[in-house]
Amino acid sequence: MTKTEIRPEAAQLDSIPTPPASLAADAPRNWKAAVLRGLRLRCPNCGEGKLLRSYLKVRDGCETCGQELHHNRADDGPAYLTILIVGHILGFALHIIYISYRPDPLTLALIMSVVTVTASLALLPRMKGLVVAYQWAKRMHGF
């Protein structure tokens, strides 16, 4: 076969329409919307389905849109972000409360401990959602 001849299967491949840009594999994803959805513990793709099946376990896929979510590799990122945020907020709160009210040190330690544990437990799943959604938006780890 010479270079000028066209094979029948090659002609068929040329007639296949290309998918729209929104469905293309390299189309950019809106990371801000995805991160906000992740903070709400919703699917980063559609914003409707639940992201987690338990406290920190990510679902294998979205029950609404079918987006696969098992690719995530959050590892220690959510814990690090939680410690970073809670530590900064409570560090300032501790300083302000101690300077303003001068409570008994044991009382202050007990109150701050309860607030720290509560804030950490409330924030950790949201940070997990944020990390998974950011990975989805940036097409990391097979998303």
C-alpha atoms as a PDB file:
ATOM      1  CA  MET A   1       0.000   0.000   0.000  1.00  0.00           C
ATOM      2  CA  THR A   2       1.359   3.408  -0.901  1.00  0.00           C
ATOM      3  CA  LYS A   3       1.200   6.549   1.177  1.00  0.00           C
ATOM      4  CA  THR A   4      -1.515   8.084  -1.006  1.00  0.00           C
ATOM      5  CA  GLU A   5      -3.921   5.182  -0.601  1.00  0.00           C
ATOM      6  CA  ILE A   6      -6.449   5.446   2.232  1.00  0.00           C
ATOM      7  CA  ARG A   7      -7.297   2.384   4.245  1.00  0.00           C
ATOM      8  CA  PRO A   8     -11.057   1.867   4.851  1.00  0.00           C
ATOM      9  CA  GLU A   9     -10.672   1.688   8.646  1.00  0.00           C
ATOM     10  CA  ALA A  10      -8.752   4.990   8.652  1.00  0.00           C
ATOM     11  CA  ALA A  11     -11.555   6.664   6.715  1.00  0.00           C
ATOM     12  CA  GLN A  12     -14.057   5.423   9.298  1.00  0.00           C
ATOM     13  CA  LEU A  13     -11.994   6.872  12.149  1.00  0.00           C
ATOM     14  CA  ASP A  14     -12.009  10.283  10.494  1.00  0.00           C
ATOM     15  CA  SER A  15     -15.808  10.294  10.366  1.00  0.00           C
ATOM     16  CA  ILE A  16     -16.210   9.818  14.150  1.00  0.00           C
ATOM     17  CA  PRO A  17     -17.280  13.133  15.706  1.00  0.00           C
ATOM     18  CA  THR A  18     -15.108  14.548  18.458  1.00  0.00           C
ATOM     19  CA  PRO A  19     -16.718  15.092  21.844  1.00  0.00           C
ATOM     20  CA  PRO A  20     -17.587  18.645  22.886  1.00  0.00           C
ATOM     21  CA  ALA A  21     -14.935  20.593  24.759  1.00  0.00           C
ATOM     22  CA  SER A  22     -16.844  20.234  28.035  1.00  0.00           C
ATOM     23  CA  LEU A  23     -16.474  16.449  27.857  1.00  0.00           C
ATOM     24  CA  ALA A  24     -12.897  16.411  26.653  1.00  0.00           C
ATOM     25  CA  ALA A  25     -10.344  14.846  28.977  1.00  0.00           C
ATOM     26  CA  ASP A  26      -8.234  17.991  29.072  1.00  0.00           C
ATOM     27  CA  ALA A  27     -11.073  20.478  29.644  1.00  0.00           C
ATOM     28  CA  PRO A  28     -10.340  22.631  32.691  1.00  0.00           C
ATOM     29  CA  ARG A  29     -12.451  22.062  35.792  1.00  0.00           C
ATOM     30  CA  ASN A  30     -13.559  24.890  38.046  1.00  0.00           C
ATOM     31  CA  TRP A  31     -11.523  24.233  41.177  1.00  0.00           C
ATOM     32  CA  LYS A  32     -13.240  26.915  43.265  1.00  0.00           C
ATOM     33  CA  ALA A  33     -16.687  25.397  42.766  1.00  0.00           C
ATOM     34  CA  ALA A  34     -15.266  21.909  43.385  1.00  0.00           C
ATOM     35  CA  VAL A  35     -13.603  22.975  46.635  1.00  0.00           C
ATOM     36  CA  LEU A  36     -16.795  24.625  47.879  1.00  0.00           C
ATOM     37  CA  ARG A  37     -18.696  21.430  47.085  1.00  0.00           C
ATOM     38  CA  GLY A  38     -16.038  19.423  48.909  1.00  0.00           C
ATOM     39  CA  LEU A  39     -16.357  21.640  51.976  1.00  0.00           C
ATOM     40  CA  ARG A  40     -20.094  20.892  51.926  1.00  0.00           C
ATOM     41  CA  LEU A  41     -19.196  17.161  51.709  1.00  0.00           C
ATOM     42  CA  ARG A  42     -20.815  16.856  48.280  1.00  0.00           C
ATOM     43  CA  CYS A  43     -19.579  15.348  45.027  1.00  0.00           C
ATOM     44  CA  PRO A  44     -17.048  17.714  43.404  1.00  0.00           C
ATOM     45  CA  ASN A  45     -18.523  17.023  39.964  1.00  0.00           C
ATOM     46  CA  CYS A  46     -22.269  17.541  40.442  1.00  0.00           C
ATOM     47  CA  GLY A  47     -22.597  18.925  43.975  1.00  0.00           C
ATOM     48  CA  GLU A  48     -25.583  16.673  44.668  1.00  0.00           C
ATOM     49  CA  GLY A  49     -24.316  13.270  45.820  1.00  0.00           C
ATOM     50  CA  LYS A  50     -22.656  12.651  49.168  1.00  0.00           C
ATOM     51  CA  LEU A  51     -18.861  12.521  49.180  1.00  0.00           C
ATOM     52  CA  LEU A  52     -18.327  10.444  52.326  1.00  0.00           C
ATOM     53  CA  ARG A  53     -19.980   7.170  53.324  1.00  0.00           C
ATOM     54  CA  SER A  54     -18.868   7.413  56.956  1.00  0.00           C
ATOM     55  CA  TYR A  55     -16.917   9.897  59.058  1.00  0.00           C
ATOM     56  CA  LEU A  56     -13.811   9.884  56.825  1.00  0.00           C
ATOM     57  CA  LYS A  57     -14.391   7.130  54.235  1.00  0.00           C
ATOM     58  CA  VAL A  58     -14.797   8.438  50.691  1.00  0.00           C
ATOM     59  CA  ARG A  59     -17.450   6.726  48.563  1.00  0.00           C
ATOM     60  CA  ASP A  60     -16.281   4.714  45.557  1.00  0.00           C
ATOM     61  CA  GLY A  61     -18.517   6.809  43.303  1.00  0.00           C
ATOM     62  CA  CYS A  62     -21.234   9.444  43.324  1.00  0.00           C
ATOM     63  CA  GLU A  63     -24.730   7.962  43.424  1.00  0.00           C
ATOM     64  CA  THR A  64     -26.112  10.930  41.481  1.00  0.00           C
ATOM     65  CA  CYS A  65     -23.723  11.525  38.567  1.00  0.00           C
ATOM     66  CA  GLY A  66     -21.620   8.342  38.643  1.00  0.00           C
ATOM     67  CA  GLN A  67     -18.289  10.167  39.081  1.00  0.00           C
ATOM     68  CA  GLU A  68     -15.644   7.757  40.364  1.00  0.00           C
ATOM     69  CA  LEU A  69     -14.185   8.968  43.652  1.00  0.00           C
ATOM     70  CA  HIS A  70     -12.028   6.008  44.672  1.00  0.00           C
ATOM     71  CA  HIS A  71      -8.929   7.604  43.087  1.00  0.00           C
ATOM     72  CA  ASN A  72      -8.379  10.036  45.950  1.00  0.00           C
ATOM     73  CA  ARG A  73      -5.110  10.082  47.868  1.00  0.00           C
ATOM     74  CA  ALA A  74      -5.805  12.491  50.703  1.00  0.00           C
ATOM     75  CA  ASP A  75      -3.388  10.805  53.160  1.00  0.00           C
ATOM     76  CA  ASP A  76      -2.369  13.253  55.935  1.00  0.00           C
ATOM     77  CA  GLY A  77      -3.419  16.442  54.134  1.00  0.00           C
ATOM     78  CA  PRO A  78      -6.780  16.867  55.903  1.00  0.00           C
ATOM     79  CA  ALA A  79      -5.255  16.296  59.348  1.00  0.00           C
ATOM     80  CA  TYR A  80      -2.487  18.802  58.633  1.00  0.00           C
ATOM     81  CA  LEU A  81      -4.966  21.450  57.444  1.00  0.00           C
ATOM     82  CA  THR A  82      -7.199  20.833  60.465  1.00  0.00           C
ATOM     83  CA  ILE A  83      -4.311  21.257  62.900  1.00  0.00           C
ATOM     84  CA  LEU A  84      -3.150  24.364  61.058  1.00  0.00           C
ATOM     85  CA  ILE A  85      -6.561  26.066  61.161  1.00  0.00           C
ATOM     86  CA  VAL A  86      -7.620  25.020  64.675  1.00  0.00           C
ATOM     87  CA  GLY A  87      -4.194  25.808  66.096  1.00  0.00           C
ATOM     88  CA  HIS A  88      -4.147  29.327  64.702  1.00  0.00           C
ATOM     89  CA  ILE A  89      -7.700  30.156  65.730  1.00  0.00           C
ATOM     90  CA  LEU A  90      -7.337  28.773  69.248  1.00  0.00           C
ATOM     91  CA  GLY A  91      -3.904  30.292  69.733  1.00  0.00           C
ATOM     92  CA  PHE A  92      -5.344  33.752  69.202  1.00  0.00           C
ATOM     93  CA  ALA A  93      -8.452  32.913  71.243  1.00  0.00           C
ATOM     94  CA  LEU A  94      -6.320  31.686  74.144  1.00  0.00           C
ATOM     95  CA  HIS A  95      -4.299  34.898  74.147  1.00  0.00           C
ATOM     96  CA  ILE A  96      -7.351  37.169  73.935  1.00  0.00           C
ATOM     97  CA  ILE A  97      -9.309  35.301  76.635  1.00  0.00           C
ATOM     98  CA  TYR A  98      -6.359  35.154  79.000  1.00  0.00           C
ATOM     99  CA  ILE A  99      -5.549  38.870  78.619  1.00  0.00           C
ATOM    100  CA  SER A 100      -9.182  40.014  78.789  1.00  0.00           C
ATOM    101  CA  TYR A 101     -10.659  37.806  81.540  1.00  0.00           C
ATOM    102  CA  ARG A 102      -7.730  36.220  83.449  1.00  0.00           C
ATOM    103  CA  PRO A 103      -9.566  32.936  84.182  1.00  0.00           C
ATOM    104  CA  ASP A 104      -8.152  30.235  86.416  1.00  0.00           C
ATOM    105  CA  PRO A 105      -5.537  28.270  84.411  1.00  0.00           C
ATOM    106  CA  LEU A 106      -7.313  24.930  84.971  1.00  0.00           C
ATOM    107  CA  THR A 107     -10.625  26.368  83.794  1.00  0.00           C
ATOM    108  CA  LEU A 108      -8.976  27.900  80.756  1.00  0.00           C
ATOM    109  CA  ALA A 109      -7.233  24.607  79.916  1.00  0.00           C
ATOM    110  CA  LEU A 110     -10.464  22.613  80.217  1.00  0.00           C
ATOM    111  CA  ILE A 111     -12.474  25.057  78.086  1.00  0.00           C
ATOM    112  CA  MET A 112      -9.787  25.265  75.413  1.00  0.00           C
ATOM    113  CA  SER A 113      -9.410  21.471  75.346  1.00  0.00           C
ATOM    114  CA  VAL A 114     -13.124  20.953  74.766  1.00  0.00           C
ATOM    115  CA  VAL A 115     -13.197  23.634  72.073  1.00  0.00           C
ATOM    116  CA  THR A 116     -10.097  22.170  70.397  1.00  0.00           C
ATOM    117  CA  VAL A 117     -11.473  18.631  70.260  1.00  0.00           C
ATOM    118  CA  THR A 118     -14.907  19.788  69.076  1.00  0.00           C
ATOM    119  CA  ALA A 119     -13.501  22.073  66.376  1.00  0.00           C
ATOM    120  CA  SER A 120     -11.079  19.398  65.171  1.00  0.00           C
ATOM    121  CA  LEU A 121     -13.778  16.733  64.909  1.00  0.00           C
ATOM    122  CA  ALA A 122     -16.094  19.120  63.053  1.00  0.00           C
ATOM    123  CA  LEU A 123     -13.415  20.386  60.668  1.00  0.00           C
ATOM    124  CA  LEU A 124     -11.619  17.135  59.765  1.00  0.00           C
ATOM    125  CA  PRO A 125     -14.271  15.687  57.370  1.00  0.00           C
ATOM    126  CA  ARG A 126     -14.622  19.061  55.643  1.00  0.00           C
ATOM    127  CA  MET A 127     -10.878  19.229  55.078  1.00  0.00           C
ATOM    128  CA  LYS A 128     -11.020  15.701  53.651  1.00  0.00           C
ATOM    129  CA  GLY A 129     -13.755  16.889  51.263  1.00  0.00           C
ATOM    130  CA  LEU A 130     -11.666  19.919  50.323  1.00  0.00           C
ATOM    131  CA  VAL A 131      -8.581  17.806  49.525  1.00  0.00           C
ATOM    132  CA  VAL A 132     -10.527  15.209  47.501  1.00  0.00           C
ATOM    133  CA  ALA A 133     -12.355  17.942  45.566  1.00  0.00           C
ATOM    134  CA  TYR A 134      -9.103  19.766  44.801  1.00  0.00           C
ATOM    135  CA  GLN A 135      -7.548  16.527  43.552  1.00  0.00           C
ATOM    136  CA  TRP A 136     -10.590  15.968  41.333  1.00  0.00           C
ATOM    137  CA  ALA A 137     -10.439  19.530  39.946  1.00  0.00           C
ATOM    138  CA  LYS A 138      -6.729  19.266  39.133  1.00  0.00           C
ATOM    139  CA  ARG A 139      -7.093  15.706  37.701  1.00  0.00           C
ATOM    140  CA  MET A 140      -4.652  14.232  40.205  1.00  0.00           C
ATOM    141  CA  HIS A 141      -4.246  10.496  40.823  1.00  0.00           C
ATOM    142  CA  GLY A 142      -6.432   9.306  37.945  1.00  0.00           C
ATOM    143  CA  PHE A 143      -9.458  11.584  38.338  1.00  0.00           C
END
